[in-house]
Amino acid sequence: MADTLLQYFDQNPGRLINKWLHYFAIYERHFEKYRGKPIRLLEYGVSHGGSLQMWRYYFGPTAQIIGVDIDPRCAAFAEAGIEIVIG
């Protein structure tokens, strides 16, 4: 589905996500081929942790999502399939 990420963003069941809307079509075009595969994704800037949950949903249960932030409070956003690195 071409609008999977945008639909997730619009119906966001988790933490706050801050993304520019025009990025979603670009993400889908470049990342769709990796869905359901055992990928490792690294995102700098955790903020509220919502985009990490979005990536976990999008790529599926075999994906390893890693968020990096300098704010030690972000460590609280670690959960199954989502690792937080402070640094």
N, C-alpha and C. Protein backbone atom coordinates (compact mmCIF):
# COMPACT_ATOMS: atom_id res chain seq x y z
N MET A 1 0.86 -1.18 0.00
CA MET A 1 0.00 0.00 0.00
C MET A 1 0.90 1.23 0.00
N ALA A 2 0.63 2.15 -0.88
CA ALA A 2 1.49 3.31 -1.08
C ALA A 2 1.39 4.34 0.04
N ASP A 3 0.35 4.32 0.82
CA ASP A 3 0.18 5.34 1.86
C ASP A 3 0.27 4.77 3.27
N THR A 4 0.96 3.66 3.45
CA THR A 4 1.03 3.00 4.74
C THR A 4 1.57 3.93 5.83
N LEU A 5 2.68 4.60 5.57
CA LEU A 5 3.28 5.48 6.57
C LEU A 5 2.41 6.69 6.87
N LEU A 6 1.84 7.29 5.84
CA LEU A 6 0.98 8.45 6.04
C LEU A 6 -0.26 8.08 6.84
N GLN A 7 -0.84 6.92 6.57
CA GLN A 7 -2.00 6.47 7.33
C GLN A 7 -1.62 6.23 8.79
N TYR A 8 -0.46 5.62 9.02
CA TYR A 8 0.00 5.41 10.39
C TYR A 8 0.15 6.76 11.09
N PHE A 9 0.77 7.71 10.43
CA PHE A 9 0.97 9.05 10.99
C PHE A 9 -0.37 9.71 11.33
N ASP A 10 -1.32 9.63 10.40
CA ASP A 10 -2.63 10.25 10.60
C ASP A 10 -3.41 9.61 11.75
N GLN A 11 -3.27 8.29 11.91
CA GLN A 11 -4.03 7.56 12.92
C GLN A 11 -3.16 7.22 14.13
N ASN A 12 -2.00 7.78 14.21
CA ASN A 12 -0.97 7.49 15.20
C ASN A 12 -1.50 6.96 16.53
N PRO A 13 -1.29 5.65 16.79
CA PRO A 13 -1.75 5.06 18.05
C PRO A 13 -0.71 5.15 19.17
N GLY A 14 0.46 5.72 18.87
CA GLY A 14 1.54 5.71 19.85
C GLY A 14 2.01 7.10 20.22
N ARG A 15 3.31 7.21 20.39
CA ARG A 15 3.92 8.46 20.82
C ARG A 15 3.93 9.51 19.71
N LEU A 16 4.19 10.74 20.10
CA LEU A 16 4.21 11.86 19.17
C LEU A 16 5.23 11.65 18.05
N ILE A 17 4.80 11.92 16.81
CA ILE A 17 5.67 11.84 15.64
C ILE A 17 5.72 13.23 15.01
N ASN A 18 6.93 13.67 14.68
CA ASN A 18 7.10 14.95 14.01
C ASN A 18 7.83 14.71 12.69
N LYS A 19 7.10 14.71 11.58
CA LYS A 19 7.66 14.50 10.25
C LYS A 19 7.04 15.48 9.28
N TRP A 20 7.78 15.88 8.28
CA TRP A 20 7.22 16.68 7.20
C TRP A 20 6.41 15.78 6.30
N LEU A 21 5.20 16.18 5.98
CA LEU A 21 4.26 15.32 5.25
C LEU A 21 4.78 14.90 3.88
N HIS A 22 5.49 15.76 3.20
CA HIS A 22 5.95 15.40 1.86
C HIS A 22 7.03 14.31 1.88
N TYR A 23 7.58 13.99 3.02
CA TYR A 23 8.58 12.92 3.12
C TYR A 23 7.96 11.53 3.01
N PHE A 24 6.70 11.38 3.37
CA PHE A 24 6.10 10.04 3.42
C PHE A 24 6.12 9.32 2.07
N ALA A 25 5.80 10.01 1.00
CA ALA A 25 5.84 9.39 -0.33
C ALA A 25 7.27 8.98 -0.69
N ILE A 26 8.24 9.79 -0.28
CA ILE A 26 9.65 9.47 -0.56
C ILE A 26 10.08 8.25 0.25
N TYR A 27 9.71 8.22 1.53
CA TYR A 27 10.01 7.05 2.35
C TYR A 27 9.43 5.78 1.72
N GLU A 28 8.18 5.83 1.33
CA GLU A 28 7.52 4.66 0.75
C GLU A 28 8.25 4.20 -0.52
N ARG A 29 8.60 5.15 -1.36
CA ARG A 29 9.25 4.80 -2.64
C ARG A 29 10.58 4.09 -2.41
N HIS A 30 11.35 4.55 -1.43
CA HIS A 30 12.68 4.00 -1.23
C HIS A 30 12.74 2.83 -0.24
N PHE A 31 11.81 2.76 0.70
CA PHE A 31 11.88 1.76 1.76
C PHE A 31 10.94 0.58 1.60
N GLU A 32 9.96 0.66 0.73
CA GLU A 32 8.95 -0.40 0.60
C GLU A 32 9.57 -1.77 0.35
N LYS A 33 10.64 -1.81 -0.41
CA LYS A 33 11.26 -3.11 -0.75
C LYS A 33 11.90 -3.80 0.47
N TYR A 34 12.06 -3.07 1.56
CA TYR A 34 12.65 -3.64 2.77
C TYR A 34 11.63 -4.10 3.80
N ARG A 35 10.36 -3.88 3.53
CA ARG A 35 9.32 -4.28 4.48
C ARG A 35 9.32 -5.78 4.69
N GLY A 36 9.16 -6.19 5.94
CA GLY A 36 9.09 -7.61 6.26
C GLY A 36 10.44 -8.31 6.23
N LYS A 37 11.52 -7.57 6.04
CA LYS A 37 12.86 -8.16 6.00
C LYS A 37 13.61 -7.82 7.28
N PRO A 38 14.60 -8.63 7.63
CA PRO A 38 15.34 -8.40 8.88
C PRO A 38 16.37 -7.27 8.74
N ILE A 39 15.88 -6.05 8.65
CA ILE A 39 16.75 -4.89 8.47
C ILE A 39 17.14 -4.29 9.82
N ARG A 40 18.13 -3.44 9.80
CA ARG A 40 18.52 -2.66 10.98
C ARG A 40 18.45 -1.20 10.57
N LEU A 41 17.65 -0.41 11.27
CA LEU A 41 17.47 1.01 10.97
C LEU A 41 17.98 1.84 12.13
N LEU A 42 18.79 2.85 11.81
CA LEU A 42 19.34 3.75 12.81
C LEU A 42 18.79 5.14 12.55
N GLU A 43 18.17 5.73 13.58
CA GLU A 43 17.63 7.08 13.46
C GLU A 43 18.25 7.96 14.53
N TYR A 44 18.81 9.09 14.10
CA TYR A 44 19.36 10.07 15.03
C TYR A 44 18.28 11.07 15.40
N GLY A 45 18.14 11.31 16.69
CA GLY A 45 17.14 12.24 17.19
C GLY A 45 15.85 11.51 17.53
N VAL A 46 15.73 11.09 18.77
CA VAL A 46 14.59 10.29 19.21
C VAL A 46 13.37 11.16 19.52
N SER A 47 13.58 12.32 20.10
CA SER A 47 12.51 13.23 20.49
C SER A 47 11.52 12.51 21.41
N HIS A 48 10.29 12.27 20.94
CA HIS A 48 9.28 11.58 21.76
C HIS A 48 9.17 10.09 21.45
N GLY A 49 9.96 9.60 20.51
CA GLY A 49 9.99 8.17 20.22
C GLY A 49 8.95 7.67 19.24
N GLY A 50 8.09 8.56 18.76
CA GLY A 50 7.00 8.12 17.88
C GLY A 50 7.45 7.59 16.53
N SER A 51 8.47 8.20 15.94
CA SER A 51 8.90 7.71 14.63
C SER A 51 9.56 6.34 14.74
N LEU A 52 10.19 6.05 15.88
CA LEU A 52 10.75 4.72 16.07
C LEU A 52 9.64 3.67 16.08
N GLN A 53 8.53 3.97 16.73
CA GLN A 53 7.38 3.07 16.72
C GLN A 53 6.82 2.94 15.31
N MET A 54 6.79 4.04 14.57
CA MET A 54 6.28 4.02 13.19
C MET A 54 7.16 3.11 12.32
N TRP A 55 8.48 3.23 12.44
CA TRP A 55 9.37 2.38 11.65
C TRP A 55 9.21 0.91 12.03
N ARG A 56 9.07 0.65 13.30
CA ARG A 56 8.88 -0.73 13.76
C ARG A 56 7.61 -1.32 13.14
N TYR A 57 6.55 -0.56 13.16
CA TYR A 57 5.30 -1.00 12.54
C TYR A 57 5.50 -1.23 11.04
N TYR A 58 6.12 -0.28 10.38
CA TYR A 58 6.26 -0.32 8.93
C TYR A 58 7.14 -1.49 8.46
N PHE A 59 8.30 -1.67 9.10
CA PHE A 59 9.22 -2.71 8.64
C PHE A 59 8.90 -4.09 9.21
N GLY A 60 8.17 -4.15 10.31
CA GLY A 60 7.71 -5.43 10.83
C GLY A 60 8.56 -5.98 11.97
N PRO A 61 8.14 -7.13 12.49
CA PRO A 61 8.73 -7.68 13.70
C PRO A 61 10.17 -8.17 13.56
N THR A 62 10.66 -8.37 12.34
CA THR A 62 12.05 -8.81 12.18
C THR A 62 13.03 -7.65 12.08
N ALA A 63 12.53 -6.43 12.05
CA ALA A 63 13.39 -5.25 11.97
C ALA A 63 13.93 -4.87 13.34
N GLN A 64 15.16 -4.41 13.35
CA GLN A 64 15.77 -3.89 14.57
C GLN A 64 15.86 -2.38 14.40
N ILE A 65 15.18 -1.64 15.25
CA ILE A 65 15.14 -0.19 15.17
C ILE A 65 15.99 0.37 16.31
N ILE A 66 16.92 1.25 15.96
CA ILE A 66 17.83 1.84 16.95
C ILE A 66 17.71 3.35 16.87
N GLY A 67 17.43 3.97 17.99
CA GLY A 67 17.36 5.42 18.08
C GLY A 67 18.52 5.95 18.90
N VAL A 68 19.12 7.05 18.44
CA VAL A 68 20.24 7.67 19.15
C VAL A 68 19.84 9.09 19.53
N ASP A 69 20.10 9.45 20.79
CA ASP A 69 19.79 10.80 21.25
C ASP A 69 20.75 11.18 22.36
N ILE A 70 20.94 12.48 22.56
CA ILE A 70 21.81 12.94 23.65
C ILE A 70 21.04 13.11 24.97
N ASP A 71 19.73 13.08 24.89
CA ASP A 71 18.90 13.27 26.08
C ASP A 71 18.69 11.94 26.80
N PRO A 72 19.22 11.78 28.00
CA PRO A 72 19.08 10.50 28.70
C PRO A 72 17.64 10.10 28.99
N ARG A 73 16.72 11.05 28.99
CA ARG A 73 15.30 10.71 29.22
C ARG A 73 14.74 9.85 28.09
N CYS A 74 15.36 9.89 26.92
CA CYS A 74 14.89 9.10 25.78
C CYS A 74 15.06 7.60 25.99
N ALA A 75 15.91 7.21 26.93
CA ALA A 75 16.11 5.78 27.22
C ALA A 75 14.80 5.11 27.61
N ALA A 76 13.86 5.88 28.12
CA ALA A 76 12.57 5.33 28.54
C ALA A 76 11.74 4.85 27.35
N PHE A 77 12.12 5.19 26.13
CA PHE A 77 11.35 4.81 24.94
C PHE A 77 11.75 3.45 24.38
N ALA A 78 12.72 2.79 24.99
CA ALA A 78 13.10 1.45 24.56
C ALA A 78 11.93 0.50 24.79
N GLU A 79 11.72 -0.39 23.85
CA GLU A 79 10.68 -1.41 23.96
C GLU A 79 11.07 -2.56 23.05
N ALA A 80 10.26 -3.58 22.98
CA ALA A 80 10.55 -4.73 22.13
C ALA A 80 10.82 -4.27 20.70
N GLY A 81 12.00 -4.61 20.19
CA GLY A 81 12.37 -4.27 18.82
C GLY A 81 12.90 -2.87 18.64
N ILE A 82 12.93 -2.07 19.71
CA ILE A 82 13.43 -0.69 19.64
C ILE A 82 14.48 -0.50 20.73
N GLU A 83 15.70 -0.21 20.29
CA GLU A 83 16.80 0.04 21.21
C GLU A 83 17.12 1.53 21.21
N ILE A 84 17.46 2.06 22.35
CA ILE A 84 17.82 3.47 22.48
C ILE A 84 19.28 3.55 22.94
N VAL A 85 20.06 4.35 22.22
CA VAL A 85 21.46 4.59 22.57
C VAL A 85 21.57 6.08 22.94
N ILE A 86 22.14 6.34 24.10
CA ILE A 86 22.35 7.73 24.53
C ILE A 86 23.81 8.09 24.22
N GLY A 87 23.97 9.16 23.46
CA GLY A 87 25.33 9.58 23.12
C GLY A 87 25.36 10.66 22.08
